[in-house]
Amino acid sequence: MYFWKCWRETRVSFYVFLIIAVTLAALLWKFLDFTMSSLPADRVFAPAWVMLLIAFSALVSLAGMSFGATGISEEFAHNTASFLLTKPRSIRYFVWTAWVANAAQLLALAGAMMLVGVSILSWRYHGMLTGRLLLGFMPGLILTFLIFGMTYLLGVLQKSGRNGFQSSLGVVIVFPIICWTLEHFWQIHLPSPADMYPVGMNLMSHPELASTLPPFWPMVGWSLAALACPLIAQLVLERTEV
């Protein structure tokens, strides 16, 4: 099955990211003990939680970009697309099977990092877990799937996973700069994934706001954008000669 082919091609990357994620989540409290040893445990929990959210968003998003550069786009690089996409199965099957295979790995990676990080922080700093706190992971997870889908789509458009990765990295770097420039100099606000984060991006300076619920509609909008990427990739391939 094509699902298992995708898994075999990405399992090494998955295990590497999994080890990094679990290690980072497990050792975060050691770093905080070293830098905030003078504070009582109940005052360390909020900044510790914010650092876990930031580490989660950064690492899992990087994994999403890496996994997005695999799948159908790599079939073009390996010169197997002309054979694979002319089989009796539809192009839709291959596009969505590759997407689901990588999405499952991203969910497993995110779940492992959340489980380890949340368990250790709640135990070490005696923090009370609430639904509001756990919902703080949603913007990072949606951002991950948005970057994953964008990389996947760009790889299909350029028929190269490597080029898709480079283009996606360029967007991730340049787009926030454009948004900040327009906001700062001309007070023009462009919709951006940062809108999903409560109180903007000021959680580091105000960690006590970590339990603020993420805005609902930005999360819905960017979730739909993430799901639209593989759909657009499918439509492009169906209208393109392989």
C-alpha atoms as a PDB file:
ATOM      1  CA  MET A   1       0.000   0.000   0.000  1.00  0.00           C
ATOM      2  CA  TYR A   2       1.099   3.560  -0.695  1.00  0.00           C
ATOM      3  CA  PHE A   3       0.498   4.479   2.952  1.00  0.00           C
ATOM      4  CA  TRP A   4       3.238   2.106   4.089  1.00  0.00           C
ATOM      5  CA  LYS A   5       5.564   3.337   1.354  1.00  0.00           C
ATOM      6  CA  CYS A   6       5.204   6.879   2.712  1.00  0.00           C
ATOM      7  CA  TRP A   7       5.835   5.623   6.246  1.00  0.00           C
ATOM      8  CA  ARG A   8       9.012   3.769   5.237  1.00  0.00           C
ATOM      9  CA  GLU A   9      10.378   6.906   3.592  1.00  0.00           C
ATOM     10  CA  THR A  10       9.770   9.169   6.606  1.00  0.00           C
ATOM     11  CA  ARG A  11      10.128   6.882   9.625  1.00  0.00           C
ATOM     12  CA  VAL A  12      13.760   7.838  10.282  1.00  0.00           C
ATOM     13  CA  SER A  13      12.824  11.541  10.354  1.00  0.00           C
ATOM     14  CA  PHE A  14       9.880  10.717  12.580  1.00  0.00           C
ATOM     15  CA  TYR A  15      12.040   8.896  15.129  1.00  0.00           C
ATOM     16  CA  VAL A  16      14.615  11.715  15.132  1.00  0.00           C
ATOM     17  CA  PHE A  17      11.949  14.370  15.748  1.00  0.00           C
ATOM     18  CA  LEU A  18      10.286  12.154  18.360  1.00  0.00           C
ATOM     19  CA  ILE A  19      13.525  11.790  20.340  1.00  0.00           C
ATOM     20  CA  ILE A  20      14.166  15.542  20.159  1.00  0.00           C
ATOM     21  CA  ALA A  21      10.590  16.385  21.174  1.00  0.00           C
ATOM     22  CA  VAL A  22      10.489  14.048  24.152  1.00  0.00           C
ATOM     23  CA  THR A  23      13.954  15.084  25.310  1.00  0.00           C
ATOM     24  CA  LEU A  24      13.136  18.788  25.018  1.00  0.00           C
ATOM     25  CA  ALA A  25       9.856  18.419  26.874  1.00  0.00           C
ATOM     26  CA  ALA A  26      11.472  16.298  29.591  1.00  0.00           C
ATOM     27  CA  LEU A  27      14.461  18.589  30.210  1.00  0.00           C
ATOM     28  CA  LEU A  28      12.597  21.893  30.124  1.00  0.00           C
ATOM     29  CA  TRP A  29      12.087  21.861  33.879  1.00  0.00           C
ATOM     30  CA  LYS A  30      15.846  21.472  34.464  1.00  0.00           C
ATOM     31  CA  PHE A  31      16.487  24.669  32.518  1.00  0.00           C
ATOM     32  CA  LEU A  32      13.810  26.501  34.492  1.00  0.00           C
ATOM     33  CA  ASP A  33      15.154  25.203  37.805  1.00  0.00           C
ATOM     34  CA  PHE A  34      18.535  26.623  36.850  1.00  0.00           C
ATOM     35  CA  THR A  35      17.280  30.039  35.728  1.00  0.00           C
ATOM     36  CA  MET A  36      14.381  30.529  38.212  1.00  0.00           C
ATOM     37  CA  SER A  37      15.595  28.649  41.261  1.00  0.00           C
ATOM     38  CA  SER A  38      14.885  31.624  43.521  1.00  0.00           C
ATOM     39  CA  LEU A  39      11.143  31.624  42.745  1.00  0.00           C
ATOM     40  CA  PRO A  40       8.565  29.363  44.418  1.00  0.00           C
ATOM     41  CA  ALA A  41       7.253  26.492  42.330  1.00  0.00           C
ATOM     42  CA  ASP A  42       3.772  27.968  41.877  1.00  0.00           C
ATOM     43  CA  ARG A  43       5.241  31.117  40.286  1.00  0.00           C
ATOM     44  CA  VAL A  44       7.374  29.143  37.846  1.00  0.00           C
ATOM     45  CA  PHE A  45       4.491  27.150  36.387  1.00  0.00           C
ATOM     46  CA  ALA A  46       3.101  29.931  34.150  1.00  0.00           C
ATOM     47  CA  PRO A  47       6.393  30.858  32.409  1.00  0.00           C
ATOM     48  CA  ALA A  48       7.248  27.149  32.194  1.00  0.00           C
ATOM     49  CA  TRP A  49       3.940  26.509  30.425  1.00  0.00           C
ATOM     50  CA  VAL A  50       4.553  29.369  27.979  1.00  0.00           C
ATOM     51  CA  MET A  51       8.028  28.021  27.168  1.00  0.00           C
ATOM     52  CA  LEU A  52       6.534  24.579  26.550  1.00  0.00           C
ATOM     53  CA  LEU A  53       3.975  26.087  24.143  1.00  0.00           C
ATOM     54  CA  ILE A  54       6.701  27.982  22.266  1.00  0.00           C
ATOM     55  CA  ALA A  55       8.966  24.922  22.050  1.00  0.00           C
ATOM     56  CA  PHE A  56       5.994  22.837  20.920  1.00  0.00           C
ATOM     57  CA  SER A  57       5.028  25.279  18.160  1.00  0.00           C
ATOM     58  CA  ALA A  58       8.597  25.666  16.899  1.00  0.00           C
ATOM     59  CA  LEU A  59       9.633  22.014  16.858  1.00  0.00           C
ATOM     60  CA  VAL A  60       6.405  20.487  15.582  1.00  0.00           C
ATOM     61  CA  SER A  61       6.112  23.177  12.878  1.00  0.00           C
ATOM     62  CA  LEU A  62       9.638  22.343  11.716  1.00  0.00           C
ATOM     63  CA  ALA A  63       8.622  18.687  11.590  1.00  0.00           C
ATOM     64  CA  GLY A  64       5.562  19.682   9.561  1.00  0.00           C
ATOM     65  CA  MET A  65       7.751  21.453   7.034  1.00  0.00           C
ATOM     66  CA  SER A  66      10.040  18.423   6.825  1.00  0.00           C
ATOM     67  CA  PHE A  67       7.176  15.949   6.329  1.00  0.00           C
ATOM     68  CA  GLY A  68       5.463  18.267   3.862  1.00  0.00           C
ATOM     69  CA  ALA A  69       8.475  17.981   1.570  1.00  0.00           C
ATOM     70  CA  THR A  70       7.807  14.239   1.120  1.00  0.00           C
ATOM     71  CA  GLY A  71       5.036  12.292  -0.527  1.00  0.00           C
ATOM     72  CA  ILE A  72       3.856  13.079  -4.058  1.00  0.00           C
ATOM     73  CA  SER A  73       6.400  15.842  -4.662  1.00  0.00           C
ATOM     74  CA  GLU A  74       9.261  13.390  -4.112  1.00  0.00           C
ATOM     75  CA  GLU A  75       7.784  11.026  -6.701  1.00  0.00           C
ATOM     76  CA  PHE A  76       8.641  13.667  -9.301  1.00  0.00           C
ATOM     77  CA  ALA A  77      12.180  13.977  -7.962  1.00  0.00           C
ATOM     78  CA  HIS A  78      12.631  10.186  -8.143  1.00  0.00           C
ATOM     79  CA  ASN A  79      11.077  10.036 -11.629  1.00  0.00           C
ATOM     80  CA  THR A  80       8.382   7.641 -10.399  1.00  0.00           C
ATOM     81  CA  ALA A  81       5.421  10.020 -10.720  1.00  0.00           C
ATOM     82  CA  SER A  82       4.700   9.121 -14.362  1.00  0.00           C
ATOM     83  CA  PHE A  83       4.351   5.462 -13.363  1.00  0.00           C
ATOM     84  CA  LEU A  84       2.565   5.958 -10.046  1.00  0.00           C
ATOM     85  CA  LEU A  85      -0.006   8.567 -11.100  1.00  0.00           C
ATOM     86  CA  THR A  86      -1.089   6.631 -14.198  1.00  0.00           C
ATOM     87  CA  LYS A  87      -2.091   3.549 -12.193  1.00  0.00           C
ATOM     88  CA  PRO A  88      -5.774   2.568 -11.951  1.00  0.00           C
ATOM     89  CA  ARG A  89      -6.059   4.316  -8.594  1.00  0.00           C
ATOM     90  CA  SER A  90      -6.980   7.984  -8.771  1.00  0.00           C
ATOM     91  CA  ILE A  91      -4.629  10.906  -8.198  1.00  0.00           C
ATOM     92  CA  ARG A  92      -6.836  11.833  -5.256  1.00  0.00           C
ATOM     93  CA  TYR A  93      -5.936   8.546  -3.564  1.00  0.00           C
ATOM     94  CA  PHE A  94      -2.185   9.156  -3.766  1.00  0.00           C
ATOM     95  CA  VAL A  95      -2.399  12.830  -2.754  1.00  0.00           C
ATOM     96  CA  TRP A  96      -4.540  12.219   0.317  1.00  0.00           C
ATOM     97  CA  THR A  97      -2.870   8.950   1.326  1.00  0.00           C
ATOM     98  CA  ALA A  98       0.513  10.679   1.464  1.00  0.00           C
ATOM     99  CA  TRP A  99      -1.027  13.586   3.359  1.00  0.00           C
ATOM    100  CA  VAL A 100      -2.751  11.309   5.895  1.00  0.00           C
ATOM    101  CA  ALA A 101       0.404   9.217   6.416  1.00  0.00           C
ATOM    102  CA  ASN A 102       2.430  12.295   7.317  1.00  0.00           C
ATOM    103  CA  ALA A 103      -0.396  13.933   9.267  1.00  0.00           C
ATOM    104  CA  ALA A 104      -0.647  10.833  11.471  1.00  0.00           C
ATOM    105  CA  GLN A 105       3.056  11.102  12.277  1.00  0.00           C
ATOM    106  CA  LEU A 106       2.683  14.790  13.134  1.00  0.00           C
ATOM    107  CA  LEU A 107      -0.208  14.026  15.482  1.00  0.00           C
ATOM    108  CA  ALA A 108       1.804  11.268  17.171  1.00  0.00           C
ATOM    109  CA  LEU A 109       4.777  13.597  17.545  1.00  0.00           C
ATOM    110  CA  ALA A 110       2.623  16.413  18.936  1.00  0.00           C
ATOM    111  CA  GLY A 111       0.822  14.050  21.302  1.00  0.00           C
ATOM    112  CA  ALA A 112       4.067  12.636  22.676  1.00  0.00           C
ATOM    113  CA  MET A 113       5.556  16.078  23.322  1.00  0.00           C
ATOM    114  CA  MET A 114       2.357  17.313  24.946  1.00  0.00           C
ATOM    115  CA  LEU A 115       2.021  14.239  27.159  1.00  0.00           C
ATOM    116  CA  VAL A 116       5.601  14.321  28.405  1.00  0.00           C
ATOM    117  CA  GLY A 117       5.802  18.090  28.832  1.00  0.00           C
ATOM    118  CA  VAL A 118       2.432  18.522  30.521  1.00  0.00           C
ATOM    119  CA  SER A 119       2.963  15.570  32.871  1.00  0.00           C
ATOM    120  CA  ILE A 120       6.374  16.746  34.057  1.00  0.00           C
ATOM    121  CA  LEU A 121       5.442  20.412  34.477  1.00  0.00           C
ATOM    122  CA  SER A 122       2.241  19.656  36.377  1.00  0.00           C
ATOM    123  CA  TRP A 123       4.135  17.269  38.661  1.00  0.00           C
ATOM    124  CA  ARG A 124       7.201  19.444  39.193  1.00  0.00           C
ATOM    125  CA  TYR A 125       5.459  22.787  39.726  1.00  0.00           C
ATOM    126  CA  HIS A 126       2.173  21.537  41.210  1.00  0.00           C
ATOM    127  CA  GLY A 127       0.150  23.242  38.497  1.00  0.00           C
ATOM    128  CA  MET A 128      -3.529  22.479  38.062  1.00  0.00           C
ATOM    129  CA  LEU A 129      -4.352  21.432  34.515  1.00  0.00           C
ATOM    130  CA  THR A 130      -7.488  22.916  32.985  1.00  0.00           C
ATOM    131  CA  GLY A 131      -9.121  22.747  29.592  1.00  0.00           C
ATOM    132  CA  ARG A 132      -8.106  26.342  28.964  1.00  0.00           C
ATOM    133  CA  LEU A 133      -4.435  25.508  29.439  1.00  0.00           C
ATOM    134  CA  LEU A 134      -4.595  22.463  27.168  1.00  0.00           C
ATOM    135  CA  LEU A 135      -6.354  24.500  24.465  1.00  0.00           C
ATOM    136  CA  GLY A 136      -3.211  26.618  24.365  1.00  0.00           C
ATOM    137  CA  PHE A 137      -1.662  23.886  22.221  1.00  0.00           C
ATOM    138  CA  MET A 138      -4.281  24.290  19.484  1.00  0.00           C
ATOM    139  CA  PRO A 139      -2.744  27.334  17.709  1.00  0.00           C
ATOM    140  CA  GLY A 140       0.632  25.563  17.514  1.00  0.00           C
ATOM    141  CA  LEU A 141      -0.999  22.413  16.153  1.00  0.00           C
ATOM    142  CA  ILE A 142      -2.974  24.340  13.538  1.00  0.00           C
ATOM    143  CA  LEU A 143       0.152  26.289  12.587  1.00  0.00           C
ATOM    144  CA  THR A 144       1.968  22.977  12.147  1.00  0.00           C
ATOM    145  CA  PHE A 145      -0.665  21.651   9.745  1.00  0.00           C
ATOM    146  CA  LEU A 146      -0.749  24.968   7.904  1.00  0.00           C
ATOM    147  CA  ILE A 147       3.022  24.871   7.307  1.00  0.00           C
ATOM    148  CA  PHE A 148       2.810  21.160   6.511  1.00  0.00           C
ATOM    149  CA  GLY A 149       0.064  21.749   3.932  1.00  0.00           C
ATOM    150  CA  MET A 150       1.798  24.773   2.422  1.00  0.00           C
ATOM    151  CA  THR A 151       5.047  22.844   1.992  1.00  0.00           C
ATOM    152  CA  TYR A 152       3.128  19.920   0.517  1.00  0.00           C
ATOM    153  CA  LEU A 153       1.373  22.193  -1.998  1.00  0.00           C
ATOM    154  CA  LEU A 154       4.536  24.088  -2.965  1.00  0.00           C
ATOM    155  CA  GLY A 155       6.354  20.798  -3.492  1.00  0.00           C
ATOM    156  CA  VAL A 156       3.620  19.639  -5.871  1.00  0.00           C
ATOM    157  CA  LEU A 157       3.583  22.960  -7.733  1.00  0.00           C
ATOM    158  CA  GLN A 158       7.368  22.842  -8.202  1.00  0.00           C
ATOM    159  CA  LYS A 159       7.479  19.046  -8.575  1.00  0.00           C
ATOM    160  CA  SER A 160      10.261  18.869  -6.012  1.00  0.00           C
ATOM    161  CA  GLY A 161      10.063  18.310  -2.280  1.00  0.00           C
ATOM    162  CA  ARG A 162      13.363  20.105  -1.721  1.00  0.00           C
ATOM    163  CA  ASN A 163      12.214  23.187  -3.636  1.00  0.00           C
ATOM    164  CA  GLY A 164       8.922  23.080  -1.777  1.00  0.00           C
ATOM    165  CA  PHE A 165      10.774  23.028   1.540  1.00  0.00           C
ATOM    166  CA  GLN A 166      12.943  25.987   0.548  1.00  0.00           C
ATOM    167  CA  SER A 167       9.969  27.987  -0.709  1.00  0.00           C
ATOM    168  CA  SER A 168       7.994  27.244   2.444  1.00  0.00           C
ATOM    169  CA  LEU A 169      10.930  28.288   4.615  1.00  0.00           C
ATOM    170  CA  GLY A 170      11.096  31.552   2.671  1.00  0.00           C
ATOM    171  CA  VAL A 171       7.399  32.210   3.284  1.00  0.00           C
ATOM    172  CA  VAL A 172       7.768  31.451   7.007  1.00  0.00           C
ATOM    173  CA  ILE A 173      10.616  33.973   7.259  1.00  0.00           C
ATOM    174  CA  VAL A 174       9.372  36.732   4.943  1.00  0.00           C
ATOM    175  CA  PHE A 175       5.624  36.780   5.653  1.00  0.00           C
ATOM    176  CA  PRO A 176       5.925  37.809   9.351  1.00  0.00           C
ATOM    177  CA  ILE A 177       8.340  40.574   8.346  1.00  0.00           C
ATOM    178  CA  ILE A 178       5.831  41.900   5.807  1.00  0.00           C
ATOM    179  CA  CYS A 179       3.007  41.750   8.385  1.00  0.00           C
ATOM    180  CA  TRP A 180       5.079  43.560  11.012  1.00  0.00           C
ATOM    181  CA  THR A 181       6.210  46.248   8.529  1.00  0.00           C
ATOM    182  CA  LEU A 182       2.676  47.003   7.359  1.00  0.00           C
ATOM    183  CA  GLU A 183       1.359  47.040  10.915  1.00  0.00           C
ATOM    184  CA  HIS A 184       4.154  49.197  12.280  1.00  0.00           C
ATOM    185  CA  PHE A 185       4.452  51.834   9.574  1.00  0.00           C
ATOM    186  CA  TRP A 186       1.013  51.978   7.968  1.00  0.00           C
ATOM    187  CA  GLN A 187      -1.305  50.386  10.571  1.00  0.00           C
ATOM    188  CA  ILE A 188      -2.441  47.800   8.031  1.00  0.00           C
ATOM    189  CA  HIS A 189      -3.217  44.460   9.634  1.00  0.00           C
ATOM    190  CA  LEU A 190      -2.860  41.399   7.420  1.00  0.00           C
ATOM    191  CA  PRO A 191      -4.482  38.163   8.591  1.00  0.00           C
ATOM    192  CA  SER A 192      -1.730  35.917   9.890  1.00  0.00           C
ATOM    193  CA  PRO A 193      -1.394  32.755  12.004  1.00  0.00           C
ATOM    194  CA  ALA A 194      -0.297  34.998  14.876  1.00  0.00           C
ATOM    195  CA  ASP A 195      -3.972  35.984  15.183  1.00  0.00           C
ATOM    196  CA  MET A 196      -4.644  32.521  16.647  1.00  0.00           C
ATOM    197  CA  TYR A 197      -2.513  33.227  19.701  1.00  0.00           C
ATOM    198  CA  PRO A 198      -4.250  34.901  22.646  1.00  0.00           C
ATOM    199  CA  VAL A 199      -3.047  38.403  23.544  1.00  0.00           C
ATOM    200  CA  GLY A 200      -1.010  38.412  20.349  1.00  0.00           C
ATOM    201  CA  MET A 201       2.564  37.238  20.854  1.00  0.00           C
ATOM    202  CA  ASN A 202       3.023  38.813  24.319  1.00  0.00           C
ATOM    203  CA  LEU A 203       2.829  35.641  26.383  1.00  0.00           C
ATOM    204  CA  MET A 204       6.514  35.740  27.304  1.00  0.00           C
ATOM    205  CA  SER A 205       6.109  39.130  28.972  1.00  0.00           C
ATOM    206  CA  HIS A 206       2.712  38.198  30.467  1.00  0.00           C
ATOM    207  CA  PRO A 207       2.850  34.444  31.209  1.00  0.00           C
ATOM    208  CA  GLU A 208      -0.105  34.751  33.577  1.00  0.00           C
ATOM    209  CA  LEU A 209      -2.281  35.073  30.444  1.00  0.00           C
ATOM    210  CA  ALA A 210      -1.376  31.543  29.272  1.00  0.00           C
ATOM    211  CA  SER A 211      -4.857  30.300  30.213  1.00  0.00           C
ATOM    212  CA  THR A 212      -6.552  32.819  27.905  1.00  0.00           C
ATOM    213  CA  LEU A 213      -8.675  31.018  25.336  1.00  0.00           C
ATOM    214  CA  PRO A 214      -7.324  31.222  21.753  1.00  0.00           C
ATOM    215  CA  PRO A 215      -9.531  33.255  19.367  1.00  0.00           C
ATOM    216  CA  PHE A 216     -12.074  30.936  17.750  1.00  0.00           C
ATOM    217  CA  TRP A 217     -12.536  32.308  14.235  1.00  0.00           C
ATOM    218  CA  PRO A 218      -8.844  32.714  13.359  1.00  0.00           C
ATOM    219  CA  MET A 219      -8.333  29.063  14.338  1.00  0.00           C
ATOM    220  CA  VAL A 220     -11.244  27.997  12.143  1.00  0.00           C
ATOM    221  CA  GLY A 221     -10.011  30.074   9.196  1.00  0.00           C
ATOM    222  CA  TRP A 222      -6.428  28.821   9.317  1.00  0.00           C
ATOM    223  CA  SER A 223      -7.608  25.240   9.844  1.00  0.00           C
ATOM    224  CA  LEU A 224      -9.609  25.493   6.619  1.00  0.00           C
ATOM    225  CA  ALA A 225      -6.573  26.997   4.875  1.00  0.00           C
ATOM    226  CA  ALA A 226      -4.457  24.055   6.024  1.00  0.00           C
ATOM    227  CA  LEU A 227      -6.997  21.555   4.671  1.00  0.00           C
ATOM    228  CA  ALA A 228      -7.308  23.478   1.407  1.00  0.00           C
ATOM    229  CA  CYS A 229      -3.626  22.932   0.559  1.00  0.00           C
ATOM    230  CA  PRO A 230      -3.809  19.179  -0.238  1.00  0.00           C
ATOM    231  CA  LEU A 231      -7.106  19.769  -2.052  1.00  0.00           C
ATOM    232  CA  ILE A 232      -5.459  22.385  -4.283  1.00  0.00           C
ATOM    233  CA  ALA A 233      -2.521  20.015  -4.827  1.00  0.00           C
ATOM    234  CA  GLN A 234      -4.957  17.341  -5.979  1.00  0.00           C
ATOM    235  CA  LEU A 235      -6.709  19.711  -8.391  1.00  0.00           C
ATOM    236  CA  VAL A 236      -3.371  20.886  -9.816  1.00  0.00           C
ATOM    237  CA  LEU A 237      -2.185  17.326 -10.458  1.00  0.00           C
ATOM    238  CA  GLU A 238      -5.477  16.343 -12.053  1.00  0.00           C
ATOM    239  CA  ARG A 239      -5.093  19.187 -14.557  1.00  0.00           C
ATOM    240  CA  THR A 240      -1.399  18.730 -15.217  1.00  0.00           C
ATOM    241  CA  GLU A 241       0.287  16.255 -17.494  1.00  0.00           C
ATOM    242  CA  VAL A 242       2.533  14.032 -15.378  1.00  0.00           C
END
